[in-house]
Amino acid sequence: MSSETPNKSESSEESFNQPEPAFGWNPYAEQINGRFAMVALVCILLLELLTGQGLLTWLGLL
């Protein structure tokens, strides 16, 4: 009887470095949310600089 175990060290190291998405309030979700918020803020600032109008004016709400 052989006691060979499969080599899982490579796959376990790769999965260890990647955060697992989870439902609810967790650090991964907050990190992604923060990144999207920063990108959105930069896009809104660029829109205002290029058009000379604020976001609400550009959307027709003012």
N, C-alpha and C. Protein backbone atom coordinates (compact mmCIF):
# COMPACT_ATOMS: atom_id res chain seq x y z
N MET A 1 0.85 -1.17 0.00
CA MET A 1 0.00 0.00 0.00
C MET A 1 0.89 1.24 0.00
N SER A 2 0.63 2.13 -0.90
CA SER A 2 1.45 3.32 -1.05
C SER A 2 0.78 4.50 -0.36
N SER A 3 1.57 5.33 0.26
CA SER A 3 1.01 6.50 0.95
C SER A 3 1.37 7.78 0.20
N GLU A 4 1.01 7.79 -1.07
CA GLU A 4 1.28 8.98 -1.87
C GLU A 4 0.15 9.98 -1.69
N THR A 5 0.52 11.20 -1.46
CA THR A 5 -0.48 12.26 -1.36
C THR A 5 -0.32 13.18 -2.57
N PRO A 6 -1.42 13.67 -3.08
CA PRO A 6 -1.32 14.57 -4.24
C PRO A 6 -0.62 15.86 -3.84
N ASN A 7 0.10 16.43 -4.79
CA ASN A 7 0.84 17.66 -4.55
C ASN A 7 -0.12 18.85 -4.67
N LYS A 8 -0.59 19.34 -3.53
CA LYS A 8 -1.53 20.45 -3.52
C LYS A 8 -0.86 21.76 -3.09
N SER A 9 0.43 21.75 -2.92
CA SER A 9 1.09 22.95 -2.43
C SER A 9 0.98 24.11 -3.41
N GLU A 10 1.08 23.84 -4.71
CA GLU A 10 1.00 24.91 -5.69
C GLU A 10 -0.40 25.52 -5.73
N SER A 11 -1.42 24.68 -5.77
CA SER A 11 -2.78 25.21 -5.85
C SER A 11 -3.20 25.88 -4.56
N SER A 12 -2.75 25.37 -3.41
CA SER A 12 -3.13 26.00 -2.15
C SER A 12 -2.44 27.34 -1.98
N GLU A 13 -1.21 27.48 -2.48
CA GLU A 13 -0.53 28.77 -2.40
C GLU A 13 -1.20 29.80 -3.30
N GLU A 14 -1.63 29.39 -4.47
CA GLU A 14 -2.30 30.31 -5.38
C GLU A 14 -3.63 30.76 -4.81
N SER A 15 -4.40 29.86 -4.25
CA SER A 15 -5.70 30.22 -3.70
C SER A 15 -5.55 31.00 -2.40
N PHE A 16 -4.43 30.84 -1.71
CA PHE A 16 -4.22 31.56 -0.46
C PHE A 16 -4.05 33.05 -0.72
N ASN A 17 -3.43 33.41 -1.82
CA ASN A 17 -3.17 34.81 -2.12
C ASN A 17 -4.37 35.54 -2.70
N GLN A 18 -5.37 34.82 -3.17
CA GLN A 18 -6.54 35.44 -3.76
C GLN A 18 -7.65 35.53 -2.73
N PRO A 19 -8.23 36.73 -2.52
CA PRO A 19 -9.32 36.85 -1.56
C PRO A 19 -10.58 36.17 -2.08
N GLU A 20 -11.30 35.56 -1.18
CA GLU A 20 -12.54 34.89 -1.57
C GLU A 20 -13.70 35.86 -1.44
N PRO A 21 -14.47 36.05 -2.51
CA PRO A 21 -15.64 36.90 -2.40
C PRO A 21 -16.65 36.28 -1.45
N ALA A 22 -17.25 37.11 -0.63
CA ALA A 22 -18.24 36.64 0.33
C ALA A 22 -19.40 37.63 0.34
N PHE A 23 -20.53 37.20 0.83
CA PHE A 23 -21.72 38.03 0.87
C PHE A 23 -21.72 38.87 2.14
N GLY A 24 -22.12 40.13 2.03
CA GLY A 24 -22.25 40.98 3.20
C GLY A 24 -21.06 41.89 3.41
N TRP A 25 -20.97 42.43 4.63
CA TRP A 25 -19.90 43.36 4.98
C TRP A 25 -18.63 42.59 5.25
N ASN A 26 -17.67 42.73 4.36
CA ASN A 26 -16.38 42.09 4.56
C ASN A 26 -15.31 42.97 3.92
N PRO A 27 -14.06 42.78 4.28
CA PRO A 27 -13.00 43.64 3.75
C PRO A 27 -12.88 43.61 2.22
N TYR A 28 -13.10 42.47 1.61
CA TYR A 28 -13.00 42.36 0.14
C TYR A 28 -14.06 43.23 -0.53
N ALA A 29 -15.29 43.16 -0.05
CA ALA A 29 -16.37 43.95 -0.64
C ALA A 29 -16.11 45.44 -0.45
N GLU A 30 -15.62 45.83 0.71
CA GLU A 30 -15.33 47.23 0.96
C GLU A 30 -14.19 47.74 0.09
N GLN A 31 -13.21 46.90 -0.16
CA GLN A 31 -12.08 47.29 -1.01
C GLN A 31 -12.56 47.52 -2.45
N ILE A 32 -13.37 46.62 -2.96
CA ILE A 32 -13.90 46.77 -4.32
C ILE A 32 -14.80 48.00 -4.41
N ASN A 33 -15.65 48.20 -3.41
CA ASN A 33 -16.54 49.35 -3.39
C ASN A 33 -15.75 50.65 -3.38
N GLY A 34 -14.69 50.70 -2.60
CA GLY A 34 -13.86 51.89 -2.55
C GLY A 34 -13.18 52.19 -3.87
N ARG A 35 -12.74 51.15 -4.54
CA ARG A 35 -12.09 51.33 -5.85
C ARG A 35 -13.07 51.87 -6.88
N PHE A 36 -14.28 51.32 -6.90
CA PHE A 36 -15.29 51.82 -7.84
C PHE A 36 -15.66 53.27 -7.52
N ALA A 37 -15.72 53.62 -6.24
CA ALA A 37 -16.04 55.00 -5.85
C ALA A 37 -14.96 55.96 -6.31
N MET A 38 -13.70 55.57 -6.18
CA MET A 38 -12.60 56.43 -6.62
C MET A 38 -12.63 56.63 -8.13
N VAL A 39 -12.90 55.58 -8.88
CA VAL A 39 -12.98 55.68 -10.34
C VAL A 39 -14.15 56.57 -10.73
N ALA A 40 -15.29 56.42 -10.05
CA ALA A 40 -16.46 57.24 -10.36
C ALA A 40 -16.19 58.71 -10.07
N LEU A 41 -15.51 59.01 -8.98
CA LEU A 41 -15.20 60.40 -8.65
C LEU A 41 -14.30 61.02 -9.70
N VAL A 42 -13.30 60.30 -10.15
CA VAL A 42 -12.41 60.81 -11.20
C VAL A 42 -13.19 61.04 -12.49
N CYS A 43 -14.08 60.13 -12.84
CA CYS A 43 -14.89 60.29 -14.06
C CYS A 43 -15.79 61.52 -13.96
N ILE A 44 -16.39 61.75 -12.80
CA ILE A 44 -17.26 62.92 -12.62
C ILE A 44 -16.44 64.20 -12.72
N LEU A 45 -15.26 64.22 -12.13
CA LEU A 45 -14.40 65.41 -12.21
C LEU A 45 -13.96 65.67 -13.65
N LEU A 46 -13.61 64.63 -14.38
CA LEU A 46 -13.24 64.80 -15.79
C LEU A 46 -14.41 65.30 -16.62
N LEU A 47 -15.59 64.78 -16.35
CA LEU A 47 -16.79 65.23 -17.06
C LEU A 47 -17.03 66.71 -16.81
N GLU A 48 -16.86 67.15 -15.56
CA GLU A 48 -17.07 68.55 -15.24
C GLU A 48 -16.00 69.44 -15.90
N LEU A 49 -14.77 68.98 -15.92
CA LEU A 49 -13.70 69.75 -16.56
C LEU A 49 -13.90 69.86 -18.07
N LEU A 50 -14.32 68.77 -18.70
CA LEU A 50 -14.45 68.76 -20.16
C LEU A 50 -15.69 69.50 -20.66
N THR A 51 -16.79 69.45 -19.91
CA THR A 51 -18.03 70.07 -20.37
C THR A 51 -18.27 71.44 -19.77
N GLY A 52 -17.64 71.75 -18.65
CA GLY A 52 -17.89 73.03 -17.99
C GLY A 52 -19.18 73.05 -17.21
N GLN A 53 -19.82 71.92 -17.06
CA GLN A 53 -21.07 71.81 -16.32
C GLN A 53 -20.92 70.75 -15.24
N GLY A 54 -21.70 70.91 -14.18
CA GLY A 54 -21.70 69.91 -13.12
C GLY A 54 -22.46 68.67 -13.54
N LEU A 55 -22.36 67.62 -12.76
CA LEU A 55 -23.01 66.35 -13.09
C LEU A 55 -24.53 66.49 -13.16
N LEU A 56 -25.12 67.18 -12.18
CA LEU A 56 -26.58 67.32 -12.17
C LEU A 56 -27.07 68.14 -13.36
N THR A 57 -26.32 69.16 -13.75
CA THR A 57 -26.68 69.94 -14.93
C THR A 57 -26.54 69.10 -16.18
N TRP A 58 -25.48 68.33 -16.26
CA TRP A 58 -25.25 67.49 -17.42
C TRP A 58 -26.34 66.43 -17.56
N LEU A 59 -26.83 65.93 -16.43
CA LEU A 59 -27.91 64.94 -16.46
C LEU A 59 -29.28 65.57 -16.71
N GLY A 60 -29.36 66.90 -16.64
CA GLY A 60 -30.62 67.59 -16.88
C GLY A 60 -31.48 67.71 -15.65
N LEU A 61 -30.90 67.56 -14.47
CA LEU A 61 -31.68 67.65 -13.24
C LEU A 61 -31.70 69.06 -12.67
N LEU A 62 -30.84 69.94 -13.15
CA LEU A 62 -30.84 71.35 -12.72
C LEU A 62 -31.06 72.25 -13.89
